Amino acid sequence: MNESLNAPATALHSDWITFENVSKSFGPVEVLHDVSFGIRRGEVHALLGENGAGKSTLMKMLGGYHAPTLGGLRLDGQPLHFHSSRDAEAQGIVLIHQEFNLAEDLTVAQNVYLGHEPGGFLIDDAAMRRGAAEALARLSITLDPRTLVRHLSVPQKQLVEIAKALSRNARVLIMDEPTATLTLHETNTLLALIGQLRDSGVTVLYISHKLDEVGQIADRVTVLRDGRYVTTQNASDLTQQQMANLMVGRELEDMFPPQLPPQQQERLRVTGLSVPGWSRDLSFGVRAGEVLGFAGLVGSGRTESFEGLFGLRHHTVQNVQVDGQPRRIRNPSDAARAGLVYLSEDRKGKGLLVDFALTPNLTLMTLDLYAKPLLNVQAEKAAMIRAAEEHHIRTGRLDVTASALSGGNQQKLALARILERHPDVIVLDEPTRGVDVGAKREIYHLIHGLAAAGKAVLVISSELPELLGLCHRLLVMHEGRLVGNLSGAALNEHEVIQYVTGLKRDSGPQTSQEPPYVHA
């Protein structure tokens, strides 16, 4: 398999959309360097690369959000010059953003038709509701179009974004990490729909870090690395491992580090945790050096239960013990003082202040260490430099805002922020969502290092291979209850799926050699 860091030598005569020697700079920083390749009409074309490789920037050019600094784009041989996304949509090119672009205080129907409302001056609300319902039905979603977007879950918001794009009757549909928040069922529905769109002549550009999906749905793949074109190949000619190696430019091995046995000391014990409407009577414990996973379908109550434990939701709990000592946790500050920290699944909404600089994001939870009472700016800056080195946060400058970082580097910053407290119990909710394969490996090794240092790490994830590769034990939730405690030989995909779908549940305490840590 040959790899070239230069533009393709052959003419792009069979391509419908072409990128011709495209470069893009933001101020003094050039993020795309002389990129040339083509996309054929009616194909699913996947764009691969690590976070920061330039994939989203390139697609935002095609979607009318950015203009090239050098080079240009063509559609069917004609130059493309867009002043806005409206110009692109007028050409039938629609971009579904990785980060939600929804108006929280409008309804689902109003969001689907925002900027394209039927009826002219007198908006036809009934037509909007009908059209939105039809777009949602194509995705097999049962959702009232009159619902306010702020009341939707993260996966539901993602599906509304997709429904909004479908309502535009796109000729070119650009999808940036569309399945990052979706369940397996929702993902399969979307992939089937993409196949139907391709068969009807729609060209789909697909950005995803989930290489199994790429292999399943893509006709061809283009790989970018560090803002440069690497190769375009038929997806059927590449294994997932080969795709990963092309993205990072080297052989990618030992994705999951070897596990060390947990210690006997119990770091955290929770008894009788309930969150109204989400979970009932959860009891579990986790030991020092243990990575404990929480599996379950979206809606099973995993995230909501831990938001309750940290005082972010109304909840009741019989008892919380940290290192054998009873603790009362009313809010995240109480939790931090007790040695517990939580990384939210929603890094933009609840994890980071994306319009703030990197340093305030890092030290917001630990200002007492840097302000006594006046803020020690030099100490803060030193902490940011140290965190960037320790967590491999890749940024040309440290004085940029968090929004300037790629998704993977934002996640590393969010992780660095909660670890500034040197906690003993770390809860990570979807720690690798929207993160490329190289950054995933780094996060997995970070989790391994935390456990090796005697921390207790709890991982909530919708990615089953991640849970099976990382965790010593797996607790499974179904409809708000803990139904399984799996370890050893029971940690396999078939067994976990039986529990998450409700086909199987434990009837009582576990009888393995380990002490029972869950009461279902």
Protein backbone atom coordinates (compact mmCIF):
# COMPACT_ATOMS: atom_id res chain seq x y z
CA MET A 1 0.00 0.00 0.00
CA ASN A 2 1.65 3.19 -1.19
CA GLU A 3 1.26 6.47 0.64
CA SER A 4 1.89 9.92 -0.74
CA LEU A 5 2.01 13.20 1.12
CA ASN A 6 1.57 15.12 -2.15
CA ALA A 7 -1.51 15.84 -4.23
CA PRO A 8 -2.68 13.02 -6.53
CA ALA A 9 -0.70 13.02 -9.75
CA THR A 10 -3.55 11.89 -12.01
CA ALA A 11 -6.23 14.23 -13.30
CA LEU A 12 -9.47 14.26 -11.36
CA HIS A 13 -11.53 13.79 -14.55
CA SER A 14 -14.03 11.36 -12.97
CA ASP A 15 -14.73 13.50 -9.94
CA TRP A 16 -17.76 15.73 -9.38
CA ILE A 17 -16.40 17.83 -6.49
CA THR A 18 -12.72 18.72 -6.47
CA PHE A 19 -10.45 20.42 -3.96
CA GLU A 20 -7.57 22.00 -5.89
CA ASN A 21 -4.41 22.96 -3.98
CA VAL A 22 -6.48 24.19 -1.03
CA SER A 23 -4.67 25.92 1.84
CA LYS A 24 -6.28 27.62 4.81
CA SER A 25 -4.77 29.92 7.42
CA PHE A 26 -6.28 31.43 10.55
CA GLY A 27 -4.07 34.40 11.27
CA PRO A 28 -0.46 33.20 11.22
CA VAL A 29 -1.42 29.52 11.64
CA GLU A 30 -1.84 27.44 8.47
CA VAL A 31 -4.13 24.49 9.19
CA LEU A 32 -4.47 23.09 5.64
CA HIS A 33 -1.54 22.77 3.25
CA ASP A 34 -2.05 22.38 -0.53
CA VAL A 35 -4.81 19.75 -0.35
CA SER A 36 -6.07 18.23 -3.63
CA PHE A 37 -8.48 15.34 -4.13
CA GLY A 38 -11.86 14.58 -5.66
CA ILE A 39 -15.28 13.22 -4.73
CA ARG A 40 -17.52 11.31 -7.13
CA ARG A 41 -21.21 11.90 -7.60
CA GLY A 42 -23.45 9.58 -5.60
CA GLU A 43 -20.74 8.01 -3.40
CA VAL A 44 -20.23 7.84 0.35
CA HIS A 45 -16.79 9.34 0.80
CA ALA A 46 -15.26 9.12 4.28
CA LEU A 47 -12.75 11.69 5.49
CA LEU A 48 -10.33 10.31 8.07
CA GLY A 49 -7.67 11.87 10.23
CA GLU A 50 -6.74 12.60 13.82
CA ASN A 51 -8.28 15.55 15.66
CA GLY A 52 -6.68 18.66 14.21
CA ALA A 53 -5.92 17.04 10.84
CA GLY A 54 -8.13 19.61 9.07
CA LYS A 55 -11.16 17.47 8.19
CA SER A 56 -13.82 19.76 9.65
CA THR A 57 -12.12 22.89 8.29
CA LEU A 58 -12.10 21.41 4.80
CA MET A 59 -15.77 20.45 5.00
CA LYS A 60 -16.69 23.91 6.33
CA MET A 61 -15.20 25.32 3.13
CA LEU A 62 -17.48 23.10 1.08
CA GLY A 63 -20.40 24.05 3.35
CA GLY A 64 -19.84 27.79 2.85
CA TYR A 65 -18.55 28.60 6.35
CA HIS A 66 -14.91 29.26 5.39
CA ALA A 67 -13.18 30.43 2.23
CA PRO A 68 -9.83 28.99 1.11
CA THR A 69 -6.77 31.15 1.69
CA LEU A 70 -5.22 29.63 -1.45
CA GLY A 71 -6.57 27.23 -4.04
CA GLY A 72 -10.21 26.56 -4.78
CA LEU A 73 -13.15 24.18 -5.09
CA ARG A 74 -15.10 23.05 -8.13
CA LEU A 75 -18.50 21.42 -8.58
CA ASP A 76 -18.94 19.58 -11.88
CA GLY A 77 -16.04 21.58 -13.28
CA GLN A 78 -17.40 24.98 -12.24
CA PRO A 79 -15.65 27.10 -9.59
CA LEU A 80 -17.44 27.36 -6.23
CA HIS A 81 -17.44 30.73 -4.48
CA PHE A 82 -19.60 30.83 -1.34
CA HIS A 83 -20.14 33.87 0.86
CA SER A 84 -22.16 31.94 3.46
CA SER A 85 -23.74 28.58 4.22
CA ARG A 86 -26.92 29.86 2.52
CA ASP A 87 -25.00 30.04 -0.77
CA ALA A 88 -23.88 26.43 -0.30
CA GLU A 89 -27.41 25.28 0.58
CA ALA A 90 -28.68 27.00 -2.58
CA GLN A 91 -26.34 24.62 -4.45
CA GLY A 92 -27.74 21.67 -2.47
CA ILE A 93 -24.72 21.35 -0.14
CA VAL A 94 -25.69 20.91 3.53
CA LEU A 95 -23.35 20.46 6.51
CA ILE A 96 -24.42 18.74 9.73
CA HIS A 97 -22.11 20.17 12.37
CA GLN A 98 -20.27 18.06 14.92
CA GLU A 99 -21.30 20.56 17.57
CA PHE A 100 -25.02 21.22 17.74
CA ASN A 101 -26.30 24.27 15.89
CA LEU A 102 -29.78 24.38 17.44
CA ALA A 103 -31.87 27.10 19.07
CA GLU A 104 -32.60 25.73 22.54
CA ASP A 105 -35.78 27.78 23.11
CA LEU A 106 -37.44 26.85 19.80
CA THR A 107 -39.37 23.67 19.08
CA VAL A 108 -38.05 20.73 17.10
CA ALA A 109 -40.15 21.78 14.08
CA GLN A 110 -38.97 25.39 14.29
CA ASN A 111 -35.35 24.23 14.39
CA VAL A 112 -35.80 21.90 11.42
CA TYR A 113 -37.12 24.82 9.31
CA LEU A 114 -35.11 27.64 10.87
CA GLY A 115 -34.29 30.12 8.11
CA HIS A 116 -36.47 28.19 5.62
CA GLU A 117 -39.90 28.60 7.19
CA PRO A 118 -42.83 27.73 4.90
CA GLY A 119 -45.57 30.29 4.34
CA GLY A 120 -43.48 33.41 3.86
CA PHE A 121 -44.48 36.34 6.07
CA LEU A 122 -47.23 34.31 7.76
CA ILE A 123 -45.36 31.18 8.86
CA ASP A 124 -47.29 27.94 8.36
CA ASP A 125 -46.71 26.19 11.72
CA ALA A 126 -48.82 23.19 10.73
CA ALA A 127 -46.74 22.64 7.60
CA MET A 128 -43.55 22.87 9.66
CA ARG A 129 -44.82 20.26 12.12
CA ARG A 130 -45.84 17.91 9.28
CA GLY A 131 -42.52 18.32 7.49
CA ALA A 132 -40.52 17.86 10.67
CA ALA A 133 -42.52 14.73 11.53
CA GLU A 134 -41.77 13.29 8.09
CA ALA A 135 -38.03 14.00 8.43
CA LEU A 136 -37.99 12.43 11.89
CA ALA A 137 -39.92 9.40 10.61
CA ARG A 138 -37.16 8.76 8.03
CA LEU A 139 -34.85 8.33 11.02
CA SER A 140 -37.40 6.12 12.84
CA ILE A 141 -37.70 8.70 15.63
CA THR A 142 -40.81 9.05 17.76
CA LEU A 143 -40.58 12.67 18.86
CA ASP A 144 -43.21 15.38 19.14
CA PRO A 145 -42.20 18.23 16.76
CA ARG A 146 -43.66 20.69 19.29
CA THR A 147 -41.08 19.76 21.95
CA LEU A 148 -38.60 22.48 22.93
CA VAL A 149 -35.06 21.51 22.00
CA ARG A 150 -33.76 22.35 25.49
CA HIS A 151 -35.81 19.41 26.82
CA LEU A 152 -34.13 16.88 24.52
CA SER A 153 -31.30 14.52 25.39
CA VAL A 154 -27.95 14.79 23.62
CA PRO A 155 -28.73 11.86 21.24
CA GLN A 156 -32.13 13.37 20.40
CA LYS A 157 -30.50 16.70 19.55
CA GLN A 158 -28.12 14.92 17.18
CA LEU A 159 -31.04 13.29 15.40
CA VAL A 160 -32.82 16.64 15.09
CA GLU A 161 -29.69 18.04 13.42
CA ILE A 162 -29.81 15.18 10.92
CA ALA A 163 -33.56 15.65 10.33
CA LYS A 164 -32.93 19.37 9.72
CA ALA A 165 -30.40 18.53 7.00
CA LEU A 166 -32.71 15.97 5.38
CA SER A 167 -35.45 18.61 5.12
CA ARG A 168 -33.16 20.68 2.85
CA ASN A 169 -33.27 18.05 0.03
CA ALA A 170 -29.48 18.04 -0.20
CA ARG A 171 -27.48 16.90 -3.23
CA VAL A 172 -24.36 16.84 -1.06
CA LEU A 173 -24.74 15.94 2.60
CA ILE A 174 -21.74 16.48 4.90
CA MET A 175 -21.89 14.56 8.19
CA ASP A 176 -19.34 15.39 10.89
CA GLU A 177 -19.33 12.67 13.60
CA PRO A 178 -23.09 12.04 13.22
CA THR A 179 -23.18 8.89 15.38
CA ALA A 180 -21.03 10.12 18.28
CA THR A 181 -24.04 10.28 20.62
CA LEU A 182 -26.28 7.61 19.06
CA THR A 183 -27.20 4.15 20.31
CA LEU A 184 -26.36 1.07 18.26
CA HIS A 185 -29.96 0.90 16.99
CA GLU A 186 -30.00 4.58 16.06
CA THR A 187 -26.62 4.23 14.36
CA ASN A 188 -27.78 1.27 12.28
CA THR A 189 -30.90 3.20 11.26
CA LEU A 190 -28.79 6.16 10.17
CA LEU A 191 -26.31 4.01 8.23
CA ALA A 192 -29.21 2.32 6.41
CA LEU A 193 -30.61 5.77 5.56
CA ILE A 194 -27.21 6.87 4.21
CA GLY A 195 -27.26 3.85 1.93
CA GLN A 196 -30.70 4.85 0.67
CA LEU A 197 -29.54 8.44 0.08
CA ARG A 198 -26.55 7.19 -1.92
CA ASP A 199 -28.82 4.95 -4.00
CA SER A 200 -31.00 7.98 -4.77
CA GLY A 201 -27.97 9.92 -6.06
CA VAL A 202 -27.04 11.97 -2.96
CA THR A 203 -23.31 12.38 -2.34
CA VAL A 204 -22.45 11.84 1.33
CA LEU A 205 -19.23 13.11 2.91
CA TYR A 206 -18.73 11.25 6.17
CA ILE A 207 -16.34 12.24 8.96
CA SER A 208 -16.06 9.67 11.73
CA HIS A 209 -13.56 8.21 14.15
CA LYS A 210 -15.57 4.98 14.25
CA LEU A 211 -13.66 2.97 11.69
CA ASP A 212 -16.08 0.03 11.79
CA GLU A 213 -18.81 2.38 10.49
CA VAL A 214 -16.47 3.71 7.80
CA GLY A 215 -15.75 0.19 6.60
CA GLN A 216 -19.45 -0.61 6.60
CA ILE A 217 -20.79 2.43 4.74
CA ALA A 218 -18.01 4.17 2.75
CA ASP A 219 -17.16 3.61 -0.92
CA ARG A 220 -13.86 5.50 -0.70
CA VAL A 221 -11.81 7.11 2.04
CA THR A 222 -9.48 10.11 2.00
CA VAL A 223 -6.93 10.46 4.80
CA LEU A 224 -5.55 13.78 6.06
CA ARG A 225 -2.65 14.14 8.47
CA ASP A 226 -1.49 17.41 10.02
CA GLY A 227 -3.45 19.39 7.44
CA ARG A 228 -1.96 17.54 4.47
CA TYR A 229 -3.40 15.08 1.99
CA VAL A 230 -2.17 11.52 2.48
CA THR A 231 -4.16 9.18 0.22
CA THR A 232 -7.54 8.31 -1.30
CA GLN A 233 -8.39 4.61 -1.54
CA ASN A 234 -11.33 2.28 -1.88
CA ALA A 235 -12.69 1.52 1.57
CA SER A 236 -12.92 -2.18 0.72
CA ASP A 237 -9.14 -2.28 0.21
CA LEU A 238 -8.36 -1.14 3.76
CA THR A 239 -8.72 -2.86 7.10
CA GLN A 240 -9.57 -0.80 10.18
CA GLN A 241 -5.98 -1.22 11.37
CA GLN A 242 -4.63 0.08 8.07
CA MET A 243 -6.96 3.09 8.27
CA ALA A 244 -5.72 3.83 11.81
CA ASN A 245 -2.07 3.52 10.76
CA LEU A 246 -2.59 5.92 7.84
CA MET A 247 -4.20 8.46 10.17
CA VAL A 248 -1.34 8.51 12.68
CA GLY A 249 1.51 7.78 10.26
CA ARG A 250 2.83 4.80 12.18
CA GLU A 251 1.86 1.36 13.38
CA LEU A 252 -0.65 1.78 16.20
CA GLU A 253 -0.24 -0.98 18.75
CA ASP A 254 -1.33 -1.82 22.32
CA MET A 255 -4.48 0.33 22.19
CA PHE A 256 -5.43 -0.93 25.67
CA PRO A 257 -2.61 -1.23 28.22
CA PRO A 258 -2.42 -4.42 30.32
CA GLN A 259 -4.49 -4.33 33.50
CA LEU A 260 -2.94 -4.44 36.95
CA PRO A 261 -4.94 -6.15 39.73
CA PRO A 262 -6.98 -3.79 41.95
CA GLN A 263 -6.08 -3.26 45.58
CA GLN A 264 -8.29 -4.41 48.45
CA GLN A 265 -8.96 -0.90 49.77
CA GLU A 266 -12.45 0.29 48.85
CA ARG A 267 -12.29 3.89 47.65
CA LEU A 268 -16.01 4.54 47.16
CA ARG A 269 -19.16 2.87 48.45
CA VAL A 270 -22.60 4.13 47.39
CA THR A 271 -25.77 2.67 48.92
CA GLY A 272 -29.36 3.29 47.86
CA LEU A 273 -28.85 6.01 45.23
CA SER A 274 -32.04 7.05 43.43
CA VAL A 275 -32.68 9.84 40.90
CA PRO A 276 -36.41 10.45 40.32
CA GLY A 277 -37.46 9.40 36.85
CA TRP A 278 -34.08 7.86 36.05
CA SER A 279 -32.77 5.32 38.55
CA ARG A 280 -33.76 3.40 41.67
CA ASP A 281 -31.82 2.03 44.61
CA LEU A 282 -28.35 1.74 43.10
CA SER A 283 -25.66 0.29 45.36
CA PHE A 284 -22.08 -0.33 44.30
CA GLY A 285 -18.46 -0.04 45.37
CA VAL A 286 -15.14 0.46 43.64
CA ARG A 287 -11.64 -0.29 44.89
CA ALA A 288 -8.33 1.53 44.62
CA GLY A 289 -6.63 0.63 41.35
CA GLU A 290 -9.88 -0.56 39.79
CA VAL A 291 -11.42 0.60 36.52
CA LEU A 292 -15.16 0.01 36.90
CA GLY A 293 -17.33 0.36 33.80
CA PHE A 294 -21.00 1.29 33.54
CA ALA A 295 -22.79 -0.08 30.48
CA GLY A 296 -26.36 0.43 29.32
CA LEU A 297 -28.45 1.82 26.52
CA VAL A 298 -29.09 5.55 26.21
CA GLY A 299 -31.89 6.28 28.70
CA SER A 300 -30.84 3.55 31.12
CA GLY A 301 -29.97 6.19 33.73
CA ARG A 302 -26.18 5.96 33.88
CA THR A 303 -25.35 9.63 33.36
CA GLU A 304 -28.32 10.88 35.36
CA SER A 305 -27.40 8.68 38.33
CA PHE A 306 -23.90 10.13 38.57
CA GLU A 307 -25.19 13.65 38.04
CA GLY A 308 -27.38 12.94 41.06
CA LEU A 309 -24.48 11.56 43.08
CA PHE A 310 -22.53 14.78 42.43
CA GLY A 311 -25.48 16.99 43.36
CA LEU A 312 -26.27 18.07 39.80
CA ARG A 313 -29.76 16.51 39.97
CA HIS A 314 -32.29 15.98 42.70
CA HIS A 315 -31.58 12.62 44.30
CA THR A 316 -31.74 10.54 47.43
CA VAL A 317 -29.00 8.32 48.77
CA GLN A 318 -28.76 6.22 51.93
CA ASN A 319 -25.01 6.41 52.35
CA VAL A 320 -21.84 7.54 50.56
CA GLN A 321 -18.46 6.48 51.93
CA VAL A 322 -15.07 7.58 50.63
CA ASP A 323 -12.15 5.54 51.95
CA GLY A 324 -14.49 4.19 54.64
CA GLN A 325 -15.59 7.62 55.87
CA PRO A 326 -19.21 8.81 55.44
CA ARG A 327 -19.56 11.85 53.22
CA ARG A 328 -22.43 14.20 52.44
CA ILE A 329 -22.33 15.42 48.84
CA ARG A 330 -24.70 18.26 47.99
CA ASN A 331 -22.83 19.73 45.01
CA PRO A 332 -19.65 19.22 42.95
CA SER A 333 -17.64 21.32 45.43
CA ASP A 334 -18.55 18.92 48.26
CA ALA A 335 -17.55 16.05 45.98
CA ALA A 336 -14.20 17.63 45.12
CA ARG A 337 -13.42 18.17 48.81
CA ALA A 338 -14.20 14.49 49.37
CA GLY A 339 -11.80 13.50 46.57
CA LEU A 340 -14.42 12.81 43.87
CA VAL A 341 -14.50 14.45 40.41
CA TYR A 342 -16.79 14.02 37.41
CA LEU A 343 -16.12 14.56 33.69
CA SER A 344 -19.40 15.36 31.92
CA GLU A 345 -20.35 13.69 28.64
CA ASP A 346 -21.22 17.18 27.33
CA ARG A 347 -17.81 18.83 27.22
CA LYS A 348 -19.09 21.95 25.40
CA GLY A 349 -22.22 22.47 27.51
CA LYS A 350 -21.03 21.33 30.95
CA GLY A 351 -17.32 20.58 30.75
CA LEU A 352 -15.54 23.60 29.30
CA LEU A 353 -16.02 27.33 28.91
CA VAL A 354 -15.21 27.25 25.21
CA ASP A 355 -15.04 31.03 24.78
CA PHE A 356 -12.48 31.35 27.59
CA ALA A 357 -8.73 30.90 27.33
CA LEU A 358 -7.08 27.58 28.15
CA THR A 359 -5.63 28.59 31.50
CA PRO A 360 -8.93 29.69 33.16
CA ASN A 361 -10.49 26.45 31.94
CA LEU A 362 -7.74 24.46 33.59
CA THR A 363 -7.75 26.24 36.96
CA LEU A 364 -11.41 27.11 37.47
CA MET A 365 -11.89 24.24 39.97
CA THR A 366 -8.65 25.01 41.80
CA LEU A 367 -8.57 28.81 42.03
CA ASP A 368 -7.91 28.53 45.76
CA LEU A 369 -4.46 27.19 44.86
CA TYR A 370 -3.61 30.21 42.71
CA ALA A 371 -5.44 33.12 44.40
CA LYS A 372 -4.32 33.91 47.99
CA PRO A 373 -6.19 36.24 47.64
CA LEU A 374 -4.63 37.82 44.52
CA LEU A 375 -4.35 35.63 41.45
CA ASN A 376 -0.82 34.37 40.79
CA VAL A 377 -0.82 34.59 37.00
CA GLN A 378 2.67 33.08 36.65
CA ALA A 379 1.73 30.04 38.72
CA GLU A 380 -1.41 29.59 36.62
CA LYS A 381 0.63 29.81 33.42
CA ALA A 382 3.14 27.27 34.75
CA ALA A 383 0.26 24.90 35.56
CA MET A 384 -1.06 25.23 32.00
CA ILE A 385 2.35 24.53 30.50
CA ARG A 386 2.71 21.47 32.73
CA ALA A 387 -0.78 20.20 31.88
CA ALA A 388 -0.18 20.63 28.14
CA GLU A 389 2.99 18.54 28.41
CA GLU A 390 1.57 15.85 30.69
CA HIS A 391 -1.68 15.38 28.75
CA HIS A 392 -0.30 16.01 25.25
CA ILE A 393 -2.63 18.96 24.60
CA ARG A 394 -1.55 20.00 21.13
CA THR A 395 -1.88 23.70 20.41
CA GLY A 396 0.48 26.09 18.71
CA ARG A 397 -0.12 28.72 21.42
CA LEU A 398 -1.47 28.66 24.96
CA ASP A 399 -3.21 32.04 24.72
CA VAL A 400 -6.02 30.83 22.44
CA THR A 401 -9.58 30.04 23.55
CA ALA A 402 -10.73 26.47 24.17
CA SER A 403 -12.93 26.69 21.06
CA ALA A 404 -9.75 26.89 18.94
CA LEU A 405 -8.72 23.36 20.00
CA SER A 406 -9.72 20.20 18.16
CA GLY A 407 -12.24 17.91 19.84
CA GLY A 408 -9.58 15.55 21.14
CA ASN A 409 -7.49 18.34 22.62
CA GLN A 410 -10.58 19.89 24.22
CA GLN A 411 -11.24 16.54 25.88
CA LYS A 412 -7.66 16.37 27.15
CA LEU A 413 -8.06 19.87 28.58
CA ALA A 414 -11.29 18.82 30.31
CA LEU A 415 -9.50 15.79 31.77
CA ALA A 416 -6.56 17.92 32.93
CA ARG A 417 -9.00 20.28 34.62
CA ILE A 418 -10.65 17.66 36.83
CA LEU A 419 -7.28 16.04 37.63
CA GLU A 420 -5.86 19.34 38.94
CA ARG A 421 -7.53 18.45 42.27
CA HIS A 422 -5.50 15.20 42.53
CA PRO A 423 -8.71 13.24 43.24
CA ASP A 424 -8.92 9.67 44.50
CA VAL A 425 -12.17 8.77 42.68
CA ILE A 426 -12.62 9.82 39.04
CA VAL A 427 -15.88 9.41 37.11
CA LEU A 428 -15.48 9.72 33.33
CA ASP A 429 -18.68 9.98 31.28
CA GLU A 430 -18.07 9.13 27.60
CA PRO A 431 -14.36 10.07 27.89
CA THR A 432 -13.53 9.43 24.21
CA ARG A 433 -16.69 10.68 22.46
CA GLY A 434 -15.70 12.44 19.22
CA VAL A 435 -12.02 11.68 19.80
CA ASP A 436 -9.70 10.21 17.16
CA VAL A 437 -7.98 6.87 17.46
CA GLY A 438 -4.61 8.31 18.51
CA ALA A 439 -6.13 10.49 21.25
CA LYS A 440 -8.24 7.53 22.40
CA ARG A 441 -5.11 5.51 22.97
CA GLU A 442 -3.60 8.36 24.99
CA ILE A 443 -6.74 8.61 27.14
CA TYR A 444 -6.81 4.85 27.70
CA HIS A 445 -3.20 4.92 28.88
CA LEU A 446 -4.00 7.89 31.13
CA ILE A 447 -6.83 5.89 32.73
CA HIS A 448 -4.45 2.96 33.20
CA GLY A 449 -1.92 5.28 34.84
CA LEU A 450 -4.53 6.68 37.22
CA ALA A 451 -5.56 3.18 38.29
CA ALA A 452 -1.91 2.13 38.67
CA ALA A 453 -1.44 5.11 41.01
CA GLY A 454 -4.19 3.77 43.30
CA LYS A 455 -7.08 5.89 42.04
CA ALA A 456 -10.54 4.42 41.49
CA VAL A 457 -11.80 5.15 37.96
CA LEU A 458 -15.43 4.75 36.90
CA VAL A 459 -16.08 4.85 33.14
CA ILE A 460 -19.51 5.39 31.59
CA SER A 461 -19.36 4.58 27.89
CA SER A 462 -21.61 3.63 25.00
CA GLU A 463 -18.68 1.98 23.21
CA LEU A 464 -18.65 -1.65 24.24
CA PRO A 465 -15.13 -2.44 22.93
CA GLU A 466 -13.86 0.44 25.07
CA LEU A 467 -15.47 -0.95 28.23
CA LEU A 468 -14.29 -4.50 27.54
CA GLY A 469 -10.73 -3.34 26.82
CA LEU A 470 -10.40 -0.98 29.80
CA CYS A 471 -12.37 -2.32 32.74
CA HIS A 472 -11.76 -4.84 35.48
CA ARG A 473 -15.51 -5.10 36.09
CA LEU A 474 -18.64 -3.95 34.35
CA LEU A 475 -21.91 -2.93 35.97
CA VAL A 476 -24.87 -2.99 33.61
CA MET A 477 -27.92 -0.74 33.91
CA HIS A 478 -31.31 -1.35 32.36
CA GLU A 479 -34.33 0.92 32.85
CA GLY A 480 -32.82 2.63 35.88
CA ARG A 481 -31.65 -0.45 37.75
CA LEU A 482 -28.37 -2.30 38.10
CA VAL A 483 -28.98 -5.70 36.52
CA GLY A 484 -25.50 -7.19 36.13
CA ASN A 485 -22.04 -7.29 37.64
CA LEU A 486 -19.67 -8.85 35.11
CA SER A 487 -16.03 -9.75 35.44
CA GLY A 488 -13.59 -12.40 34.25
CA ALA A 489 -14.95 -14.70 31.54
CA ALA A 490 -18.34 -12.93 31.66
CA LEU A 491 -16.74 -9.77 30.24
CA ASN A 492 -17.62 -10.47 26.63
CA GLU A 493 -19.80 -8.73 24.06
CA HIS A 494 -22.50 -11.39 23.89
CA GLU A 495 -23.00 -11.45 27.64
CA VAL A 496 -23.10 -7.65 27.99
CA ILE A 497 -25.68 -7.27 25.21
CA GLN A 498 -27.93 -9.79 26.96
CA TYR A 499 -27.94 -7.56 30.03
CA VAL A 500 -28.19 -4.13 28.38
CA THR A 501 -31.22 -5.21 26.37
CA GLY A 502 -32.99 -6.67 29.41
CA LEU A 503 -32.86 -10.28 28.23
CA LYS A 504 -30.85 -11.25 31.28
CA ARG A 505 -30.45 -9.94 34.82
CA ASP A 506 -28.83 -11.12 38.03
CA SER A 507 -31.26 -12.28 40.69
CA GLY A 508 -29.04 -11.48 43.65
CA PRO A 509 -25.50 -10.76 44.86
CA GLN A 510 -22.62 -12.10 42.83
CA THR A 511 -20.96 -15.37 43.81
CA SER A 512 -17.54 -14.84 42.18
CA GLN A 513 -14.29 -14.92 44.14
CA GLU A 514 -14.44 -11.13 44.39
CA PRO A 515 -16.61 -9.61 47.13
CA PRO A 516 -20.08 -8.57 45.90
CA TYR A 517 -19.92 -4.92 44.89
CA VAL A 518 -23.44 -4.56 43.48
CA HIS A 519 -26.89 -5.43 44.72
CA ALA A 520 -29.35 -5.51 41.83
